Each structure stands twice: as C-alpha cells, then as structure tokens.
Amino acid sequence: MSPAQQALLVLVHLRCGDSLARLTASFELSPTTCYRYVTEAVALLAAHAPSLDQAPAGRQRKVTILNGTITATFLVRWTGQHKRWRVHRKRTYDVNLQALSGDTGQLLWISDGLPGSPTT
C-alpha cells in the first residue's frame, strides 16, 4: 500500500471506528498487516504529541478545559488485567480518556487510555 492509502486506513479506523475485520475486507489486507499499520501510525502520533507538562505552556490568561469521557472499545487483550477495563453496568469494555483543550476546541493533550471501570 502507498503511504496515502495507509493513512486513509488509519483515519477510517480512528475517525469512523471501523473494526480491523472490516478494514481488512475493505482494503484487501491480511489482518496482521492491517493491525501493524494501525499500531505503527498510532505510535507515531503518540510520539509527536506533547506531554502534559508541555501542553499548557504559553497559555497564561487563556481558557484551558480539562474534561474526560468513557468510550466503548472493541478490543481488549485477554490478560490478567482485562477485568479492569470491563464496565459491568454497561456490559462492555470501556476506556477512560482525559483531555485538555483550548477555548476554541483545539486539542492540547490527551491521556493514555485508562481502565473504564469506575471501581478501579
């Protein structure tokens, strides 16, 4: 695949939430290749993202909003810790994301995924 097609695959996954199985069929890739493209792109984006210390720099006297949300996720690795991600009330696996944004909605920082269960 060309770099543009790889970027499109990752954008479809991140923006539309298409599963890797659907992406595999749509882009005619093997599941392993599809997974590799998505994980490599997410790691690249994370490496270029600012840290929490860097995000509010230079924002004196500007509005900065801290907010969090719990988002459903499709995949959870089956490990000894997988139960921490389970929200029994909703019967789903969820991820808790915390974010800093500016007054016009620009994303300044977002946390790593945290377990979505309120009992942790």
PDB file of N, CA and C in Angstrom:
ATOM      1  N   MET A   1       0.837  -1.191   0.000  1.00  0.00           N
ATOM      2  CA  MET A   1       0.000   0.000   0.000  1.00  0.00           C
ATOM      3  C   MET A   1       0.876   1.246   0.000  1.00  0.00           C
ATOM      4  N   SER A   2       0.382   2.273  -0.638  1.00  0.00           N
ATOM      5  CA  SER A   2       1.095   3.549  -0.628  1.00  0.00           C
ATOM      6  C   SER A   2       0.915   4.202   0.742  1.00  0.00           C
ATOM      7  N   PRO A   3       1.789   5.130   1.110  1.00  0.00           N
ATOM      8  CA  PRO A   3       1.623   5.839   2.382  1.00  0.00           C
ATOM      9  C   PRO A   3       0.273   6.547   2.489  1.00  0.00           C
ATOM     10  N   ALA A   4      -0.241   7.075   1.388  1.00  0.00           N
ATOM     11  CA  ALA A   4      -1.551   7.745   1.418  1.00  0.00           C
ATOM     12  C   ALA A   4      -2.667   6.757   1.748  1.00  0.00           C
ATOM     13  N   GLN A   5      -2.594   5.547   1.193  1.00  0.00           N
ATOM     14  CA  GLN A   5      -3.602   4.536   1.491  1.00  0.00           C
ATOM     15  C   GLN A   5      -3.491   4.053   2.927  1.00  0.00           C
ATOM     16  N   GLN A   6      -2.267   3.947   3.441  1.00  0.00           N
ATOM     17  CA  GLN A   6      -2.081   3.566   4.839  1.00  0.00           C
ATOM     18  C   GLN A   6      -2.679   4.625   5.752  1.00  0.00           C
ATOM     19  N   ALA A   7      -2.447   5.898   5.433  1.00  0.00           N
ATOM     20  CA  ALA A   7      -3.008   6.985   6.235  1.00  0.00           C
ATOM     21  C   ALA A   7      -4.527   6.951   6.190  1.00  0.00           C
ATOM     22  N   LEU A   8      -5.099   6.670   5.035  1.00  0.00           N
ATOM     23  CA  LEU A   8      -6.548   6.588   4.910  1.00  0.00           C
ATOM     24  C   LEU A   8      -7.097   5.444   5.759  1.00  0.00           C
ATOM     25  N   LEU A   9      -6.427   4.310   5.744  1.00  0.00           N
ATOM     26  CA  LEU A   9      -6.844   3.182   6.563  1.00  0.00           C
ATOM     27  C   LEU A   9      -6.883   3.564   8.040  1.00  0.00           C
ATOM     28  N   VAL A  10      -5.834   4.226   8.516  1.00  0.00           N
ATOM     29  CA  VAL A  10      -5.754   4.615   9.922  1.00  0.00           C
ATOM     30  C   VAL A  10      -6.818   5.667  10.253  1.00  0.00           C
ATOM     31  N   LEU A  11      -7.032   6.616   9.363  1.00  0.00           N
ATOM     32  CA  LEU A  11      -8.066   7.629   9.600  1.00  0.00           C
ATOM     33  C   LEU A  11      -9.454   7.009   9.666  1.00  0.00           C
ATOM     34  N   VAL A  12      -9.732   6.060   8.797  1.00  0.00           N
ATOM     35  CA  VAL A  12     -11.032   5.379   8.833  1.00  0.00           C
ATOM     36  C   VAL A  12     -11.196   4.651  10.159  1.00  0.00           C
ATOM     37  N   HIS A  13     -10.136   4.015  10.621  1.00  0.00           N
ATOM     38  CA  HIS A  13     -10.207   3.299  11.904  1.00  0.00           C
ATOM     39  C   HIS A  13     -10.411   4.265  13.070  1.00  0.00           C
ATOM     40  N   LEU A  14      -9.646   5.344  13.107  1.00  0.00           N
ATOM     41  CA  LEU A  14      -9.728   6.268  14.231  1.00  0.00           C
ATOM     42  C   LEU A  14     -10.980   7.132  14.193  1.00  0.00           C
ATOM     43  N   ARG A  15     -11.363   7.612  13.031  1.00  0.00           N
ATOM     44  CA  ARG A  15     -12.500   8.535  12.927  1.00  0.00           C
ATOM     45  C   ARG A  15     -13.842   7.824  12.928  1.00  0.00           C
ATOM     46  N   CYS A  16     -13.939   6.734  12.150  1.00  0.00           N
ATOM     47  CA  CYS A  16     -15.226   6.055  11.989  1.00  0.00           C
ATOM     48  C   CYS A  16     -15.391   4.869  12.939  1.00  0.00           C
ATOM     49  N   GLY A  17     -14.300   4.424  13.528  1.00  0.00           N
ATOM     50  CA  GLY A  17     -14.381   3.307  14.464  1.00  0.00           C
ATOM     51  C   GLY A  17     -14.553   1.953  13.798  1.00  0.00           C
ATOM     52  N   ASP A  18     -14.227   1.869  12.505  1.00  0.00           N
ATOM     53  CA  ASP A  18     -14.351   0.586  11.822  1.00  0.00           C
ATOM     54  C   ASP A  18     -13.429  -0.439  12.468  1.00  0.00           C
ATOM     55  N   SER A  19     -13.931  -1.641  12.624  1.00  0.00           N
ATOM     56  CA  SER A  19     -13.133  -2.708  13.223  1.00  0.00           C
ATOM     57  C   SER A  19     -12.029  -3.130  12.258  1.00  0.00           C
ATOM     58  N   LEU A  20     -11.046  -3.815  12.804  1.00  0.00           N
ATOM     59  CA  LEU A  20      -9.952  -4.287  11.960  1.00  0.00           C
ATOM     60  C   LEU A  20     -10.456  -5.324  10.959  1.00  0.00           C
ATOM     61  N   ALA A  21     -11.468  -6.092  11.333  1.00  0.00           N
ATOM     62  CA  ALA A  21     -12.032  -7.072  10.396  1.00  0.00           C
ATOM     63  C   ALA A  21     -12.656  -6.366   9.195  1.00  0.00           C
ATOM     64  N   ARG A  22     -13.383  -5.285   9.438  1.00  0.00           N
ATOM     65  CA  ARG A  22     -13.994  -4.539   8.335  1.00  0.00           C
ATOM     66  C   ARG A  22     -12.918  -3.864   7.480  1.00  0.00           C
ATOM     67  N   LEU A  23     -11.894  -3.307   8.129  1.00  0.00           N
ATOM     68  CA  LEU A  23     -10.806  -2.682   7.379  1.00  0.00           C
ATOM     69  C   LEU A  23     -10.058  -3.705   6.531  1.00  0.00           C
ATOM     70  N   THR A  24      -9.874  -4.905   7.083  1.00  0.00           N
ATOM     71  CA  THR A  24      -9.205  -5.968   6.349  1.00  0.00           C
ATOM     72  C   THR A  24      -9.941  -6.271   5.050  1.00  0.00           C
ATOM     73  N   ALA A  25     -11.267  -6.350   5.122  1.00  0.00           N
ATOM     74  CA  ALA A  25     -12.063  -6.635   3.925  1.00  0.00           C
ATOM     75  C   ALA A  25     -12.084  -5.438   2.972  1.00  0.00           C
ATOM     76  N   SER A  26     -12.218  -4.235   3.508  1.00  0.00           N
ATOM     77  CA  SER A  26     -12.323  -3.046   2.663  1.00  0.00           C
ATOM     78  C   SER A  26     -11.038  -2.741   1.903  1.00  0.00           C
ATOM     79  N   PHE A  27      -9.904  -2.904   2.577  1.00  0.00           N
ATOM     80  CA  PHE A  27      -8.628  -2.553   1.961  1.00  0.00           C
ATOM     81  C   PHE A  27      -7.899  -3.773   1.394  1.00  0.00           C
ATOM     82  N   GLU A  28      -8.527  -4.940   1.478  1.00  0.00           N
ATOM     83  CA  GLU A  28      -7.971  -6.188   0.944  1.00  0.00           C
ATOM     84  C   GLU A  28      -6.567  -6.463   1.489  1.00  0.00           C
ATOM     85  N   LEU A  29      -6.482  -6.468   2.807  1.00  0.00           N
ATOM     86  CA  LEU A  29      -5.230  -6.737   3.507  1.00  0.00           C
ATOM     87  C   LEU A  29      -5.395  -7.944   4.409  1.00  0.00           C
ATOM     88  N   SER A  30      -4.283  -8.494   4.855  1.00  0.00           N
ATOM     89  CA  SER A  30      -4.349  -9.534   5.868  1.00  0.00           C
ATOM     90  C   SER A  30      -4.602  -8.864   7.223  1.00  0.00           C
ATOM     91  N   PRO A  31      -5.214  -9.571   8.169  1.00  0.00           N
ATOM     92  CA  PRO A  31      -5.449  -8.983   9.497  1.00  0.00           C
ATOM     93  C   PRO A  31      -4.161  -8.522  10.177  1.00  0.00           C
ATOM     94  N   THR A  32      -3.081  -9.261  10.002  1.00  0.00           N
ATOM     95  CA  THR A  32      -1.807  -8.901  10.621  1.00  0.00           C
ATOM     96  C   THR A  32      -1.270  -7.589  10.062  1.00  0.00           C
ATOM     97  N   THR A  33      -1.334  -7.420   8.756  1.00  0.00           N
ATOM     98  CA  THR A  33      -0.853  -6.194   8.122  1.00  0.00           C
ATOM     99  C   THR A  33      -1.703  -4.999   8.534  1.00  0.00           C
ATOM    100  N   CYS A  34      -2.996  -5.194   8.567  1.00  0.00           N
ATOM    101  CA  CYS A  34      -3.905  -4.119   8.972  1.00  0.00           C
ATOM    102  C   CYS A  34      -3.607  -3.685  10.411  1.00  0.00           C
ATOM    103  N   TYR A  35      -3.461  -4.642  11.314  1.00  0.00           N
ATOM    104  CA  TYR A  35      -3.149  -4.347  12.711  1.00  0.00           C
ATOM    105  C   TYR A  35      -1.822  -3.599  12.813  1.00  0.00           C
ATOM    106  N   ARG A  36      -0.820  -4.046  12.046  1.00  0.00           N
ATOM    107  CA  ARG A  36       0.505  -3.403  12.081  1.00  0.00           C
ATOM    108  C   ARG A  36       0.437  -1.958  11.610  1.00  0.00           C
ATOM    109  N   TYR A  37      -0.281  -1.692  10.520  1.00  0.00           N
ATOM    110  CA  TYR A  37      -0.413  -0.316  10.018  1.00  0.00           C
ATOM    111  C   TYR A  37      -1.065   0.589  11.067  1.00  0.00           C
ATOM    112  N   VAL A  38      -2.112   0.105  11.701  1.00  0.00           N
ATOM    113  CA  VAL A  38      -2.821   0.928  12.695  1.00  0.00           C
ATOM    114  C   VAL A  38      -1.944   1.175  13.917  1.00  0.00           C
ATOM    115  N   THR A  39      -1.308   0.141  14.451  1.00  0.00           N
ATOM    116  CA  THR A  39      -0.490   0.328  15.653  1.00  0.00           C
ATOM    117  C   THR A  39       0.734   1.189  15.382  1.00  0.00           C
ATOM    118  N   GLU A  40       1.345   1.064  14.205  1.00  0.00           N
ATOM    119  CA  GLU A  40       2.500   1.902  13.877  1.00  0.00           C
ATOM    120  C   GLU A  40       2.098   3.367  13.754  1.00  0.00           C
ATOM    121  N   ALA A  41       0.964   3.648  13.140  1.00  0.00           N
ATOM    122  CA  ALA A  41       0.516   5.029  12.984  1.00  0.00           C
ATOM    123  C   ALA A  41       0.142   5.649  14.319  1.00  0.00           C
ATOM    124  N   VAL A  42      -0.526   4.892  15.171  1.00  0.00           N
ATOM    125  CA  VAL A  42      -0.892   5.413  16.493  1.00  0.00           C
ATOM    126  C   VAL A  42       0.363   5.677  17.323  1.00  0.00           C
ATOM    127  N   ALA A  43       1.348   4.797  17.249  1.00  0.00           N
ATOM    128  CA  ALA A  43       2.608   5.012  17.976  1.00  0.00           C
ATOM    129  C   ALA A  43       3.329   6.250  17.457  1.00  0.00           C
ATOM    130  N   LEU A  44       3.303   6.471  16.142  1.00  0.00           N
ATOM    131  CA  LEU A  44       3.926   7.660  15.557  1.00  0.00           C
ATOM    132  C   LEU A  44       3.221   8.934  16.019  1.00  0.00           C
ATOM    133  N   LEU A  45       1.899   8.930  16.031  1.00  0.00           N
ATOM    134  CA  LEU A  45       1.143  10.090  16.510  1.00  0.00           C
ATOM    135  C   LEU A  45       1.428  10.358  17.987  1.00  0.00           C
ATOM    136  N   ALA A  46       1.487   9.297  18.772  1.00  0.00           N
ATOM    137  CA  ALA A  46       1.751   9.455  20.204  1.00  0.00           C
ATOM    138  C   ALA A  46       3.153  10.000  20.461  1.00  0.00           C
ATOM    139  N   ALA A  47       4.124   9.611  19.648  1.00  0.00           N
ATOM    140  CA  ALA A  47       5.490  10.095  19.822  1.00  0.00           C
ATOM    141  C   ALA A  47       5.604  11.592  19.541  1.00  0.00           C
ATOM    142  N   HIS A  48       4.760  12.120  18.670  1.00  0.00           N
ATOM    143  CA  HIS A  48       4.809  13.541  18.333  1.00  0.00           C
ATOM    144  C   HIS A  48       3.862  14.395  19.179  1.00  0.00           C
ATOM    145  N   ALA A  49       3.072  13.772  20.010  1.00  0.00           N
ATOM    146  CA  ALA A  49       2.120  14.510  20.841  1.00  0.00           C
ATOM    147  C   ALA A  49       2.841  15.164  22.017  1.00  0.00           C
ATOM    148  N   PRO A  50       2.383  16.329  22.445  1.00  0.00           N
ATOM    149  CA  PRO A  50       3.019  16.971  23.598  1.00  0.00           C
ATOM    150  C   PRO A  50       2.687  16.241  24.894  1.00  0.00           C
ATOM    151  N   SER A  51       3.583  16.385  25.875  1.00  0.00           N
ATOM    152  CA  SER A  51       3.311  15.810  27.193  1.00  0.00           C
ATOM    153  C   SER A  51       2.391  16.752  27.961  1.00  0.00           C
ATOM    154  N   LEU A  52       1.904  16.296  29.095  1.00  0.00           N
ATOM    155  CA  LEU A  52       1.012  17.128  29.907  1.00  0.00           C
ATOM    156  C   LEU A  52       1.729  18.386  30.401  1.00  0.00           C
ATOM    157  N   ASP A  53       3.032  18.306  30.637  1.00  0.00           N
ATOM    158  CA  ASP A  53       3.794  19.479  31.060  1.00  0.00           C
ATOM    159  C   ASP A  53       3.919  20.502  29.929  1.00  0.00           C
ATOM    160  N   GLN A  54       4.051  20.033  28.702  1.00  0.00           N
ATOM    161  CA  GLN A  54       4.247  20.927  27.561  1.00  0.00           C
ATOM    162  C   GLN A  54       2.945  21.533  27.047  1.00  0.00           C
ATOM    163  N   ALA A  55       1.839  20.846  27.189  1.00  0.00           N
ATOM    164  CA  ALA A  55       0.575  21.268  26.569  1.00  0.00           C
ATOM    165  C   ALA A  55       0.099  22.653  27.014  1.00  0.00           C
ATOM    166  N   PRO A  56       0.062  22.969  28.305  1.00  0.00           N
ATOM    167  CA  PRO A  56      -0.450  24.293  28.691  1.00  0.00           C
ATOM    168  C   PRO A  56       0.582  25.421  28.619  1.00  0.00           C
ATOM    169  N   ALA A  57       1.799  25.127  28.161  1.00  0.00           N
ATOM    170  CA  ALA A  57       2.842  26.158  28.088  1.00  0.00           C
ATOM    171  C   ALA A  57       2.399  27.293  27.170  1.00  0.00           C
ATOM    172  N   GLY A  58       2.603  28.514  27.615  1.00  0.00           N
ATOM    173  CA  GLY A  58       2.257  29.691  26.822  1.00  0.00           C
ATOM    174  C   GLY A  58       0.776  30.003  26.789  1.00  0.00           C
ATOM    175  N   ARG A  59       0.002  29.411  27.702  1.00  0.00           N
ATOM    176  CA  ARG A  59      -1.439  29.639  27.703  1.00  0.00           C
ATOM    177  C   ARG A  59      -1.872  30.483  28.903  1.00  0.00           C
ATOM    178  N   GLN A  60      -0.999  31.329  29.431  1.00  0.00           N
ATOM    179  CA  GLN A  60      -1.386  32.189  30.535  1.00  0.00           C
ATOM    180  C   GLN A  60      -2.535  33.094  30.085  1.00  0.00           C
ATOM    181  N   ARG A  61      -3.523  33.229  30.944  1.00  0.00           N
ATOM    182  CA  ARG A  61      -4.703  34.070  30.716  1.00  0.00           C
ATOM    183  C   ARG A  61      -5.537  33.599  29.527  1.00  0.00           C
ATOM    184  N   LYS A  62      -5.419  32.332  29.197  1.00  0.00           N
ATOM    185  CA  LYS A  62      -6.265  31.744  28.168  1.00  0.00           C
ATOM    186  C   LYS A  62      -7.066  30.615  28.798  1.00  0.00           C
ATOM    187  N   VAL A  63      -8.239  30.364  28.292  1.00  0.00           N
ATOM    188  CA  VAL A  63      -9.094  29.313  28.823  1.00  0.00           C
ATOM    189  C   VAL A  63      -8.545  27.952  28.400  1.00  0.00           C
ATOM    190  N   THR A  64      -8.393  27.066  29.375  1.00  0.00           N
ATOM    191  CA  THR A  64      -7.987  25.693  29.120  1.00  0.00           C
ATOM    192  C   THR A  64      -8.975  24.785  29.833  1.00  0.00           C
ATOM    193  N   ILE A  65      -9.521  23.821  29.126  1.00  0.00           N
ATOM    194  CA  ILE A  65     -10.579  22.970  29.664  1.00  0.00           C
ATOM    195  C   ILE A  65     -10.041  21.557  29.849  1.00  0.00           C
ATOM    196  N   LEU A  66     -10.248  21.008  31.047  1.00  0.00           N
ATOM    197  CA  LEU A  66      -9.925  19.612  31.320  1.00  0.00           C
ATOM    198  C   LEU A  66     -11.233  18.848  31.349  1.00  0.00           C
ATOM    199  N   ASN A  67     -11.321  17.789  30.564  1.00  0.00           N
ATOM    200  CA  ASN A  67     -12.543  17.006  30.503  1.00  0.00           C
ATOM    201  C   ASN A  67     -12.178  15.544  30.318  1.00  0.00           C
ATOM    202  N   GLY A  68     -13.083  14.679  30.663  1.00  0.00           N
ATOM    203  CA  GLY A  68     -12.871  13.258  30.491  1.00  0.00           C
ATOM    204  C   GLY A  68     -14.105  12.592  29.930  1.00  0.00           C
ATOM    205  N   THR A  69     -13.899  11.465  29.303  1.00  0.00           N
ATOM    206  CA  THR A  69     -15.016  10.697  28.769  1.00  0.00           C
ATOM    207  C   THR A  69     -14.677   9.222  28.807  1.00  0.00           C
ATOM    208  N   ILE A  70     -15.701   8.417  28.903  1.00  0.00           N
ATOM    209  CA  ILE A  70     -15.533   6.972  28.839  1.00  0.00           C
ATOM    210  C   ILE A  70     -16.079   6.526  27.494  1.00  0.00           C
ATOM    211  N   THR A  71     -15.259   5.848  26.719  1.00  0.00           N
ATOM    212  CA  THR A  71     -15.586   5.461  25.355  1.00  0.00           C
ATOM    213  C   THR A  71     -15.536   3.949  25.227  1.00  0.00           C
ATOM    214  N   ALA A  72     -16.513   3.381  24.556  1.00  0.00           N
ATOM    215  CA  ALA A  72     -16.528   1.939  24.332  1.00  0.00           C
ATOM    216  C   ALA A  72     -15.370   1.547  23.421  1.00  0.00           C
ATOM    217  N   THR A  73     -14.801   0.399  23.688  1.00  0.00           N
ATOM    218  CA  THR A  73     -13.721  -0.112  22.864  1.00  0.00           C
ATOM    219  C   THR A  73     -14.066  -1.514  22.396  1.00  0.00           C
ATOM    220  N   PHE A  74     -13.520  -1.902  21.272  1.00  0.00           N
ATOM    221  CA  PHE A  74     -13.847  -3.194  20.693  1.00  0.00           C
ATOM    222  C   PHE A  74     -12.874  -4.279  21.112  1.00  0.00           C
ATOM    223  N   LEU A  75     -11.631  -3.913  21.342  1.00  0.00           N
ATOM    224  CA  LEU A  75     -10.606  -4.913  21.594  1.00  0.00           C
ATOM    225  C   LEU A  75      -9.954  -4.699  22.946  1.00  0.00           C
ATOM    226  N   VAL A  76      -9.855  -5.773  23.705  1.00  0.00           N
ATOM    227  CA  VAL A  76      -9.127  -5.757  24.969  1.00  0.00           C
ATOM    228  C   VAL A  76      -8.301  -7.028  24.997  1.00  0.00           C
ATOM    229  N   ARG A  77      -7.022  -6.888  25.253  1.00  0.00           N
ATOM    230  CA  ARG A  77      -6.178  -8.081  25.333  1.00  0.00           C
ATOM    231  C   ARG A  77      -6.605  -8.924  26.520  1.00  0.00           C
ATOM    232  N   TRP A  78      -6.656 -10.216  26.305  1.00  0.00           N
ATOM    233  CA  TRP A  78      -7.074 -11.134  27.352  1.00  0.00           C
ATOM    234  C   TRP A  78      -5.873 -11.414  28.254  1.00  0.00           C
ATOM    235  N   THR A  79      -5.733 -10.618  29.288  1.00  0.00           N
ATOM    236  CA  THR A  79      -4.635 -10.781  30.240  1.00  0.00           C
ATOM    237  C   THR A  79      -5.227 -10.851  31.635  1.00  0.00           C
ATOM    238  N   GLY A  80      -4.391 -10.919  32.605  1.00  0.00           N
ATOM    239  CA  GLY A  80      -4.871 -10.915  33.979  1.00  0.00           C
ATOM    240  C   GLY A  80      -5.527  -9.596  34.365  1.00  0.00           C
ATOM    241  N   GLN A  81      -5.234  -8.543  33.620  1.00  0.00           N
ATOM    242  CA  GLN A  81      -5.765  -7.216  33.932  1.00  0.00           C
ATOM    243  C   GLN A  81      -6.997  -6.852  33.097  1.00  0.00           C
ATOM    244  N   HIS A  82      -7.481  -7.733  32.237  1.00  0.00           N
ATOM    245  CA  HIS A  82      -8.578  -7.363  31.333  1.00  0.00           C
ATOM    246  C   HIS A  82      -9.856  -6.989  32.081  1.00  0.00           C
ATOM    247  N   LYS A  83     -10.057  -7.507  33.291  1.00  0.00           N
ATOM    248  CA  LYS A  83     -11.279  -7.198  34.039  1.00  0.00           C
ATOM    249  C   LYS A  83     -11.325  -5.737  34.487  1.00  0.00           C
ATOM    250  N   ARG A  84     -10.177  -5.074  34.571  1.00  0.00           N
ATOM    251  CA  ARG A  84     -10.157  -3.671  34.951  1.00  0.00           C
ATOM    252  C   ARG A  84     -10.830  -2.796  33.897  1.00  0.00           C
ATOM    253  N   TRP A  85     -10.880  -3.260  32.659  1.00  0.00           N
ATOM    254  CA  TRP A  85     -11.448  -2.487  31.561  1.00  0.00           C
ATOM    255  C   TRP A  85     -12.944  -2.768  31.378  1.00  0.00           C
ATOM    256  N   ARG A  86     -13.471  -3.743  32.084  1.00  0.00           N
ATOM    257  CA  ARG A  86     -14.868  -4.150  31.941  1.00  0.00           C
ATOM    258  C   ARG A  86     -15.756  -3.254  32.801  1.00  0.00           C
ATOM    259  N   VAL A  87     -16.805  -2.697  32.194  1.00  0.00           N
ATOM    260  CA  VAL A  87     -17.808  -1.919  32.927  1.00  0.00           C
ATOM    261  C   VAL A  87     -19.043  -2.809  33.024  1.00  0.00           C
ATOM    262  N   HIS A  88     -19.251  -3.392  34.186  1.00  0.00           N
ATOM    263  CA  HIS A  88     -20.309  -4.390  34.351  1.00  0.00           C
ATOM    264  C   HIS A  88     -21.696  -3.781  34.168  1.00  0.00           C
ATOM    265  N   ARG A  89     -21.862  -2.557  34.581  1.00  0.00           N
ATOM    266  CA  ARG A  89     -23.164  -1.897  34.460  1.00  0.00           C
ATOM    267  C   ARG A  89     -23.590  -1.808  32.996  1.00  0.00           C
ATOM    268  N   LYS A  90     -22.647  -1.546  32.085  1.00  0.00           N
ATOM    269  CA  LYS A  90     -22.968  -1.410  30.664  1.00  0.00           C
ATOM    270  C   LYS A  90     -22.676  -2.682  29.871  1.00  0.00           C
ATOM    271  N   ARG A  91     -22.034  -3.662  30.516  1.00  0.00           N
ATOM    272  CA  ARG A  91     -21.652  -4.927  29.876  1.00  0.00           C
ATOM    273  C   ARG A  91     -20.777  -4.706  28.643  1.00  0.00           C
ATOM    274  N   THR A  92     -19.832  -3.793  28.768  1.00  0.00           N
ATOM    275  CA  THR A  92     -18.899  -3.510  27.679  1.00  0.00           C
ATOM    276  C   THR A  92     -17.510  -3.317  28.259  1.00  0.00           C
ATOM    277  N   TYR A  93     -16.536  -3.263  27.378  1.00  0.00           N
ATOM    278  CA  TYR A  93     -15.188  -2.863  27.751  1.00  0.00           C
ATOM    279  C   TYR A  93     -15.046  -1.402  27.352  1.00  0.00           C
ATOM    280  N   ASP A  94     -14.619  -0.565  28.285  1.00  0.00           N
ATOM    281  CA  ASP A  94     -14.528   0.863  28.029  1.00  0.00           C
ATOM    282  C   ASP A  94     -13.149   1.381  28.379  1.00  0.00           C
ATOM    283  N   VAL A  95     -12.793   2.494  27.739  1.00  0.00           N
ATOM    284  CA  VAL A  95     -11.531   3.166  28.012  1.00  0.00           C
ATOM    285  C   VAL A  95     -11.851   4.586  28.466  1.00  0.00           C
ATOM    286  N   ASN A  96     -11.155   5.048  29.493  1.00  0.00           N
ATOM    287  CA  ASN A  96     -11.348   6.380  30.051  1.00  0.00           C
ATOM    288  C   ASN A  96     -10.263   7.290  29.488  1.00  0.00           C
ATOM    289  N   LEU A  97     -10.672   8.367  28.812  1.00  0.00           N
ATOM    290  CA  LEU A  97      -9.733   9.319  28.218  1.00  0.00           C
ATOM    291  C   LEU A  97      -9.893  10.680  28.877  1.00  0.00           C
ATOM    292  N   GLN A  98      -8.794  11.293  29.275  1.00  0.00           N
ATOM    293  CA  GLN A  98      -8.783  12.634  29.849  1.00  0.00           C
ATOM    294  C   GLN A  98      -8.100  13.553  28.842  1.00  0.00           C
ATOM    295  N   ALA A  99      -8.652  14.749  28.635  1.00  0.00           N
ATOM    296  CA  ALA A  99      -8.111  15.634  27.602  1.00  0.00           C
ATOM    297  C   ALA A  99      -8.085  17.077  28.068  1.00  0.00           C
ATOM    298  N   LEU A 100      -7.087  17.816  27.593  1.00  0.00           N
ATOM    299  CA  LEU A 100      -7.011  19.264  27.748  1.00  0.00           C
ATOM    300  C   LEU A 100      -7.292  19.895  26.400  1.00  0.00           C
ATOM    301  N   SER A 101      -8.174  20.883  26.381  1.00  0.00           N
ATOM    302  CA  SER A 101      -8.455  21.581  25.122  1.00  0.00           C
ATOM    303  C   SER A 101      -8.473  23.075  25.369  1.00  0.00           C
ATOM    304  N   GLY A 102      -8.279  23.828  24.294  1.00  0.00           N
ATOM    305  CA  GLY A 102      -8.329  25.278  24.370  1.00  0.00           C
ATOM    306  C   GLY A 102      -9.754  25.776  24.248  1.00  0.00           C
ATOM    307  N   ASP A 103      -9.937  27.083  24.350  1.00  0.00           N
ATOM    308  CA  ASP A 103     -11.276  27.662  24.330  1.00  0.00           C
ATOM    309  C   ASP A 103     -11.971  27.523  22.984  1.00  0.00           C
ATOM    310  N   THR A 104     -11.234  27.328  21.899  1.00  0.00           N
ATOM    311  CA  THR A 104     -11.859  27.142  20.591  1.00  0.00           C
ATOM    312  C   THR A 104     -11.973  25.674  20.202  1.00  0.00           C
ATOM    313  N   GLY A 105     -11.623  24.774  21.127  1.00  0.00           N
ATOM    314  CA  GLY A 105     -11.787  23.350  20.894  1.00  0.00           C
ATOM    315  C   GLY A 105     -10.560  22.626  20.398  1.00  0.00           C
ATOM    316  N   GLN A 106      -9.442  23.331  20.207  1.00  0.00           N
ATOM    317  CA  GLN A 106      -8.244  22.639  19.738  1.00  0.00           C
ATOM    318  C   GLN A 106      -7.721  21.723  20.838  1.00  0.00           C
ATOM    319  N   LEU A 107      -7.356  20.504  20.457  1.00  0.00           N
ATOM    320  CA  LEU A 107      -6.860  19.519  21.400  1.00  0.00           C
ATOM    321  C   LEU A 107      -5.416  19.842  21.754  1.00  0.00           C
ATOM    322  N   LEU A 108      -5.147  20.011  23.045  1.00  0.00           N
ATOM    323  CA  LEU A 108      -3.796  20.318  23.514  1.00  0.00           C
ATOM    324  C   LEU A 108      -3.069  19.074  24.005  1.00  0.00           C
ATOM    325  N   TRP A 109      -3.812  18.160  24.649  1.00  0.00           N
ATOM    326  CA  TRP A 109      -3.210  16.961  25.228  1.00  0.00           C
ATOM    327  C   TRP A 109      -4.314  15.949  25.468  1.00  0.00           C
ATOM    328  N   ILE A 110      -3.982  14.667  25.338  1.00  0.00           N
ATOM    329  CA  ILE A 110      -4.910  13.594  25.692  1.00  0.00           C
ATOM    330  C   ILE A 110      -4.127  12.504  26.401  1.00  0.00           C
ATOM    331  N   SER A 111      -4.743  11.913  27.401  1.00  0.00           N
ATOM    332  CA  SER A 111      -4.070  10.903  28.206  1.00  0.00           C
ATOM    333  C   SER A 111      -3.985   9.578  27.464  1.00  0.00           C
ATOM    334  N   ASP A 112      -3.160   8.715  27.996  1.00  0.00           N
ATOM    335  CA  ASP A 112      -3.208   7.318  27.563  1.00  0.00           C
ATOM    336  C   ASP A 112      -4.550   6.760  28.003  1.00  0.00           C
ATOM    337  N   GLY A 113      -4.961   5.688  27.383  1.00  0.00           N
ATOM    338  CA  GLY A 113      -6.220   5.060  27.787  1.00  0.00           C
ATOM    339  C   GLY A 113      -6.107   4.497  29.186  1.00  0.00           C
ATOM    340  N   LEU A 114      -7.079   4.825  30.015  1.00  0.00           N
ATOM    341  CA  LEU A 114      -7.143   4.327  31.371  1.00  0.00           C
ATOM    342  C   LEU A 114      -8.291   3.335  31.472  1.00  0.00           C
ATOM    343  N   PRO A 115      -8.259   2.413  32.427  1.00  0.00           N
ATOM    344  CA  PRO A 115      -9.384   1.493  32.547  1.00  0.00           C
ATOM    345  C   PRO A 115     -10.698   2.237  32.730  1.00  0.00           C
ATOM    346  N   GLY A 116     -11.741   1.749  32.074  1.00  0.00           N
ATOM    347  CA  GLY A 116     -13.033   2.428  32.103  1.00  0.00           C
ATOM    348  C   GLY A 116     -13.901   2.091  33.288  1.00  0.00           C
ATOM    349  N   SER A 117     -13.514   1.077  34.051  1.00  0.00           N
ATOM    350  CA  SER A 117     -14.341   0.673  35.176  1.00  0.00           C
ATOM    351  C   SER A 117     -14.223   1.672  36.320  1.00  0.00           C
ATOM    352  N   PRO A 118     -15.358   2.142  36.871  1.00  0.00           N
ATOM    353  CA  PRO A 118     -15.295   3.097  37.969  1.00  0.00           C
ATOM    354  C   PRO A 118     -14.807   2.480  39.272  1.00  0.00           C
ATOM    355  N   THR A 119     -14.657   1.161  39.329  1.00  0.00           N
ATOM    356  CA  THR A 119     -14.233   0.507  40.564  1.00  0.00           C
ATOM    357  C   THR A 119     -12.725   0.443  40.700  1.00  0.00           C
ATOM    358  N   THR A 120     -11.978   0.933  39.681  1.00  0.00           N
ATOM    359  CA  THR A 120     -10.518   0.834  39.762  1.00  0.00           C
ATOM    360  C   THR A 120      -9.922   2.085  40.343  1.00  0.00           C
TER     361      THR A 120
END
